[in-house]
Amino acid sequence: MLYRRVVLTAVSAVACLSAAAVYAFTSGTDEAIAVPVPDARVAGYCHALYGDLPAKVDGLSRHDLKPESELTAGWGNPPIVLRCGVPRPEILKDPNASGVTVDGVGWVIEQESGGIFRLTTTLRKAYVEVTLPKKFASDLGPLTDLADAVKKTVPEGV
């Protein structure tokens, strides 16, 4: 029997944006989402992840974003946005950064303006970033829905 665990490893989210990781997050799906540019090894993990992503996250149907890419995916509107192959977040240098572990996948948490949260995997061979719009940021259900695909396709390690 699969038991879902959510372990809160810190209590507050830290706002920290780096120029390399900043991108425009929109309230709809008509605007472009920045597509990461990973090396070939990381792109291979991301390709595998894209093929294994669930059709629904938090009950919302999956759809392609603009521009279409196997490095990005979205669910709902405003979209929950997944980007694979993003650069290592600067916040990982902060020993006080907030994080959670959801079903065996570690995530560092960054709170952005407007109640938006950006979560990026830790201790994986590719960084996977999930941006939760304010209306979805109150629970970690989306991360629970994504955990199996991340564990299956993106190996642990750094």
C-alpha atoms as a PDB file:
ATOM      1  CA  MET A   1       0.000   0.000   0.000  1.00  0.00           C
ATOM      2  CA  LEU A   2       1.356   3.388  -0.970  1.00  0.00           C
ATOM      3  CA  TYR A   3       1.453   5.867   1.840  1.00  0.00           C
ATOM      4  CA  ARG A   4       1.833   9.482   0.821  1.00  0.00           C
ATOM      5  CA  ARG A   5       4.070  11.496   3.054  1.00  0.00           C
ATOM      6  CA  VAL A   6       4.568  15.185   3.214  1.00  0.00           C
ATOM      7  CA  VAL A   7       7.386  16.227   5.479  1.00  0.00           C
ATOM      8  CA  LEU A   8       7.737  19.894   6.137  1.00  0.00           C
ATOM      9  CA  THR A   9      11.410  20.605   6.684  1.00  0.00           C
ATOM     10  CA  ALA A  10      11.051  24.314   7.235  1.00  0.00           C
ATOM     11  CA  VAL A  11       8.276  26.708   8.144  1.00  0.00           C
ATOM     12  CA  SER A  12       8.763  29.800   6.045  1.00  0.00           C
ATOM     13  CA  ALA A  13       9.304  30.422   2.369  1.00  0.00           C
ATOM     14  CA  VAL A  14      12.208  32.648   1.375  1.00  0.00           C
ATOM     15  CA  ALA A  15      11.878  35.064  -1.514  1.00  0.00           C
ATOM     16  CA  CYS A  16      14.994  34.959  -3.667  1.00  0.00           C
ATOM     17  CA  LEU A  17      15.119  35.441  -7.418  1.00  0.00           C
ATOM     18  CA  SER A  18      18.187  35.117  -9.610  1.00  0.00           C
ATOM     19  CA  ALA A  19      18.510  36.613 -13.036  1.00  0.00           C
ATOM     20  CA  ALA A  20      19.106  33.188 -14.548  1.00  0.00           C
ATOM     21  CA  ALA A  21      15.882  31.787 -13.139  1.00  0.00           C
ATOM     22  CA  VAL A  22      13.536  34.736 -13.571  1.00  0.00           C
ATOM     23  CA  TYR A  23      10.783  34.327 -16.110  1.00  0.00           C
ATOM     24  CA  ALA A  24       7.361  35.793 -16.715  1.00  0.00           C
ATOM     25  CA  PHE A  25       4.526  33.881 -15.117  1.00  0.00           C
ATOM     26  CA  THR A  26       1.173  34.721 -16.600  1.00  0.00           C
ATOM     27  CA  SER A  27      -2.388  34.379 -15.435  1.00  0.00           C
ATOM     28  CA  GLY A  28      -3.403  32.626 -18.640  1.00  0.00           C
ATOM     29  CA  THR A  29      -1.956  30.220 -21.154  1.00  0.00           C
ATOM     30  CA  ASP A  30      -1.695  32.614 -24.112  1.00  0.00           C
ATOM     31  CA  GLU A  31       1.619  34.128 -23.062  1.00  0.00           C
ATOM     32  CA  ALA A  32       4.971  32.455 -23.583  1.00  0.00           C
ATOM     33  CA  ILE A  33       6.700  30.521 -20.833  1.00  0.00           C
ATOM     34  CA  ALA A  34      10.499  30.588 -20.936  1.00  0.00           C
ATOM     35  CA  VAL A  35      11.834  27.236 -22.101  1.00  0.00           C
ATOM     36  CA  PRO A  36      14.985  26.060 -20.266  1.00  0.00           C
ATOM     37  CA  VAL A  37      18.140  25.255 -22.249  1.00  0.00           C
ATOM     38  CA  PRO A  38      19.738  22.261 -20.487  1.00  0.00           C
ATOM     39  CA  ASP A  39      22.720  20.221 -21.655  1.00  0.00           C
ATOM     40  CA  ALA A  40      22.113  16.961 -23.549  1.00  0.00           C
ATOM     41  CA  ARG A  41      22.269  14.724 -20.455  1.00  0.00           C
ATOM     42  CA  VAL A  42      19.697  16.784 -18.548  1.00  0.00           C
ATOM     43  CA  ALA A  43      17.538  17.136 -21.676  1.00  0.00           C
ATOM     44  CA  GLY A  44      17.385  13.325 -21.818  1.00  0.00           C
ATOM     45  CA  TYR A  45      16.001  13.169 -18.276  1.00  0.00           C
ATOM     46  CA  CYS A  46      13.520  15.922 -19.142  1.00  0.00           C
ATOM     47  CA  HIS A  47      12.388  14.106 -22.290  1.00  0.00           C
ATOM     48  CA  ALA A  48      11.701  10.994 -20.197  1.00  0.00           C
ATOM     49  CA  LEU A  49       9.856  13.082 -17.574  1.00  0.00           C
ATOM     50  CA  TYR A  50       7.691  14.752 -20.227  1.00  0.00           C
ATOM     51  CA  GLY A  51       6.562  11.348 -21.484  1.00  0.00           C
ATOM     52  CA  ASP A  52       5.718  10.192 -17.956  1.00  0.00           C
ATOM     53  CA  LEU A  53       3.871  13.275 -16.682  1.00  0.00           C
ATOM     54  CA  PRO A  54       0.316  12.679 -15.474  1.00  0.00           C
ATOM     55  CA  ALA A  55      -2.719  13.713 -17.521  1.00  0.00           C
ATOM     56  CA  LYS A  56      -4.106  15.459 -14.444  1.00  0.00           C
ATOM     57  CA  VAL A  57      -2.488  17.383 -11.606  1.00  0.00           C
ATOM     58  CA  ASP A  58      -4.659  18.403  -8.676  1.00  0.00           C
ATOM     59  CA  GLY A  59      -7.652  17.373 -10.808  1.00  0.00           C
ATOM     60  CA  LEU A  60      -6.657  19.751 -13.644  1.00  0.00           C
ATOM     61  CA  SER A  61      -6.104  18.562 -17.214  1.00  0.00           C
ATOM     62  CA  ARG A  62      -2.677  18.752 -18.816  1.00  0.00           C
ATOM     63  CA  HIS A  63      -2.085  21.026 -21.784  1.00  0.00           C
ATOM     64  CA  ASP A  64       0.867  22.289 -23.766  1.00  0.00           C
ATOM     65  CA  LEU A  65       2.186  25.757 -23.123  1.00  0.00           C
ATOM     66  CA  LYS A  66       3.519  28.279 -25.616  1.00  0.00           C
ATOM     67  CA  PRO A  67       5.954  27.686 -27.121  1.00  0.00           C
ATOM     68  CA  GLU A  68       5.363  23.927 -27.201  1.00  0.00           C
ATOM     69  CA  SER A  69       8.325  22.073 -25.718  1.00  0.00           C
ATOM     70  CA  GLU A  70       9.116  18.767 -24.067  1.00  0.00           C
ATOM     71  CA  LEU A  71      10.763  20.845 -21.342  1.00  0.00           C
ATOM     72  CA  THR A  72       7.511  22.455 -20.171  1.00  0.00           C
ATOM     73  CA  ALA A  73       3.969  21.393 -19.300  1.00  0.00           C
ATOM     74  CA  GLY A  74       0.932  23.019 -17.756  1.00  0.00           C
ATOM     75  CA  TRP A  75      -2.260  22.090 -15.969  1.00  0.00           C
ATOM     76  CA  GLY A  76      -5.291  24.337 -15.493  1.00  0.00           C
ATOM     77  CA  ASN A  77      -5.771  28.066 -15.997  1.00  0.00           C
ATOM     78  CA  PRO A  78      -4.036  29.939 -14.568  1.00  0.00           C
ATOM     79  CA  PRO A  79      -1.600  27.141 -15.187  1.00  0.00           C
ATOM     80  CA  ILE A  80       0.425  25.101 -12.788  1.00  0.00           C
ATOM     81  CA  VAL A  81       3.668  25.247 -14.792  1.00  0.00           C
ATOM     82  CA  LEU A  82       6.396  22.606 -14.851  1.00  0.00           C
ATOM     83  CA  ARG A  83       9.789  23.421 -16.417  1.00  0.00           C
ATOM     84  CA  CYS A  84      12.500  20.771 -16.555  1.00  0.00           C
ATOM     85  CA  GLY A  85      16.190  21.516 -16.951  1.00  0.00           C
ATOM     86  CA  VAL A  86      16.207  24.891 -15.218  1.00  0.00           C
ATOM     87  CA  PRO A  87      19.502  26.166 -13.790  1.00  0.00           C
ATOM     88  CA  ARG A  88      20.411  25.381 -10.176  1.00  0.00           C
ATOM     89  CA  PRO A  89      18.440  27.878  -8.067  1.00  0.00           C
ATOM     90  CA  GLU A  90      20.547  30.426  -6.191  1.00  0.00           C
ATOM     91  CA  ILE A  91      18.404  29.819  -3.102  1.00  0.00           C
ATOM     92  CA  LEU A  92      20.106  26.439  -2.659  1.00  0.00           C
ATOM     93  CA  LYS A  93      23.153  28.371  -1.400  1.00  0.00           C
ATOM     94  CA  ASP A  94      21.058  29.620   1.545  1.00  0.00           C
ATOM     95  CA  PRO A  95      21.326  27.248   4.535  1.00  0.00           C
ATOM     96  CA  ASN A  96      18.041  28.707   5.842  1.00  0.00           C
ATOM     97  CA  ALA A  97      16.078  28.036   2.653  1.00  0.00           C
ATOM     98  CA  SER A  98      12.692  26.417   3.140  1.00  0.00           C
ATOM     99  CA  GLY A  99      11.962  23.022   1.713  1.00  0.00           C
ATOM    100  CA  VAL A 100       9.603  20.078   1.726  1.00  0.00           C
ATOM    101  CA  THR A 101       9.842  16.413   0.874  1.00  0.00           C
ATOM    102  CA  VAL A 102       6.778  15.073  -0.918  1.00  0.00           C
ATOM    103  CA  ASP A 103       6.568  11.337  -1.605  1.00  0.00           C
ATOM    104  CA  GLY A 104      10.346  11.005  -1.639  1.00  0.00           C
ATOM    105  CA  VAL A 105      11.102  14.077  -3.788  1.00  0.00           C
ATOM    106  CA  GLY A 106      12.778  17.083  -2.145  1.00  0.00           C
ATOM    107  CA  TRP A 107      11.737  20.595  -3.169  1.00  0.00           C
ATOM    108  CA  VAL A 108      13.116  24.014  -2.229  1.00  0.00           C
ATOM    109  CA  ILE A 109      10.426  26.690  -1.842  1.00  0.00           C
ATOM    110  CA  GLU A 110      10.506  30.266  -3.097  1.00  0.00           C
ATOM    111  CA  GLN A 111       7.614  32.655  -2.590  1.00  0.00           C
ATOM    112  CA  GLU A 112       7.155  35.202  -5.337  1.00  0.00           C
ATOM    113  CA  SER A 113       4.992  38.294  -5.475  1.00  0.00           C
ATOM    114  CA  GLY A 114       1.256  37.869  -5.755  1.00  0.00           C
ATOM    115  CA  GLY A 115       1.115  34.694  -3.648  1.00  0.00           C
ATOM    116  CA  ILE A 116       2.818  32.561  -6.301  1.00  0.00           C
ATOM    117  CA  PHE A 117       5.166  29.777  -5.176  1.00  0.00           C
ATOM    118  CA  ARG A 118       8.045  28.328  -7.160  1.00  0.00           C
ATOM    119  CA  LEU A 119       9.286  24.907  -6.045  1.00  0.00           C
ATOM    120  CA  THR A 120      12.401  23.295  -7.490  1.00  0.00           C
ATOM    121  CA  THR A 121      13.609  19.751  -6.960  1.00  0.00           C
ATOM    122  CA  THR A 122      16.738  19.158  -4.935  1.00  0.00           C
ATOM    123  CA  LEU A 123      19.280  16.341  -5.029  1.00  0.00           C
ATOM    124  CA  ARG A 124      18.262  15.226  -8.550  1.00  0.00           C
ATOM    125  CA  LYS A 125      20.382  15.092 -11.718  1.00  0.00           C
ATOM    126  CA  ALA A 126      18.046  17.629 -13.346  1.00  0.00           C
ATOM    127  CA  TYR A 127      16.292  20.550 -11.685  1.00  0.00           C
ATOM    128  CA  VAL A 128      12.525  20.428 -12.154  1.00  0.00           C
ATOM    129  CA  GLU A 129      10.651  23.613 -11.318  1.00  0.00           C
ATOM    130  CA  VAL A 130       6.926  23.825 -10.570  1.00  0.00           C
ATOM    131  CA  THR A 131       5.201  27.185 -10.283  1.00  0.00           C
ATOM    132  CA  LEU A 132       1.938  27.237  -8.369  1.00  0.00           C
ATOM    133  CA  PRO A 133      -0.435  30.164  -8.954  1.00  0.00           C
ATOM    134  CA  LYS A 134      -1.893  31.698  -5.822  1.00  0.00           C
ATOM    135  CA  LYS A 135      -5.144  29.715  -6.069  1.00  0.00           C
ATOM    136  CA  PHE A 136      -3.203  26.395  -5.947  1.00  0.00           C
ATOM    137  CA  ALA A 137      -0.414  27.411  -3.575  1.00  0.00           C
ATOM    138  CA  SER A 138      -2.242  26.467  -0.367  1.00  0.00           C
ATOM    139  CA  ASP A 139      -1.526  22.741  -0.606  1.00  0.00           C
ATOM    140  CA  LEU A 140       1.073  20.376  -1.998  1.00  0.00           C
ATOM    141  CA  GLY A 141      -1.335  18.179  -3.971  1.00  0.00           C
ATOM    142  CA  PRO A 142       0.299  19.108  -7.284  1.00  0.00           C
ATOM    143  CA  LEU A 143       3.691  17.918  -6.012  1.00  0.00           C
ATOM    144  CA  THR A 144       2.131  14.647  -4.842  1.00  0.00           C
ATOM    145  CA  ASP A 145       0.733  14.100  -8.332  1.00  0.00           C
ATOM    146  CA  LEU A 146       4.144  14.784  -9.938  1.00  0.00           C
ATOM    147  CA  ALA A 147       6.351  12.837  -7.511  1.00  0.00           C
ATOM    148  CA  ASP A 148       6.121   9.408  -9.154  1.00  0.00           C
ATOM    149  CA  ALA A 149       7.061  10.755 -12.597  1.00  0.00           C
ATOM    150  CA  VAL A 150      10.024  12.701 -11.159  1.00  0.00           C
ATOM    151  CA  LYS A 151      11.274   9.696  -9.151  1.00  0.00           C
ATOM    152  CA  LYS A 152      10.947   7.384 -12.162  1.00  0.00           C
ATOM    153  CA  THR A 153      12.708   9.597 -14.728  1.00  0.00           C
ATOM    154  CA  VAL A 154      15.102  11.978 -12.937  1.00  0.00           C
ATOM    155  CA  PRO A 155      17.735  10.073 -10.930  1.00  0.00           C
ATOM    156  CA  GLU A 156      18.872  11.162  -7.498  1.00  0.00           C
ATOM    157  CA  GLY A 157      22.273  12.800  -7.298  1.00  0.00           C
ATOM    158  CA  VAL A 158      23.927  16.096  -8.032  1.00  0.00           C
END
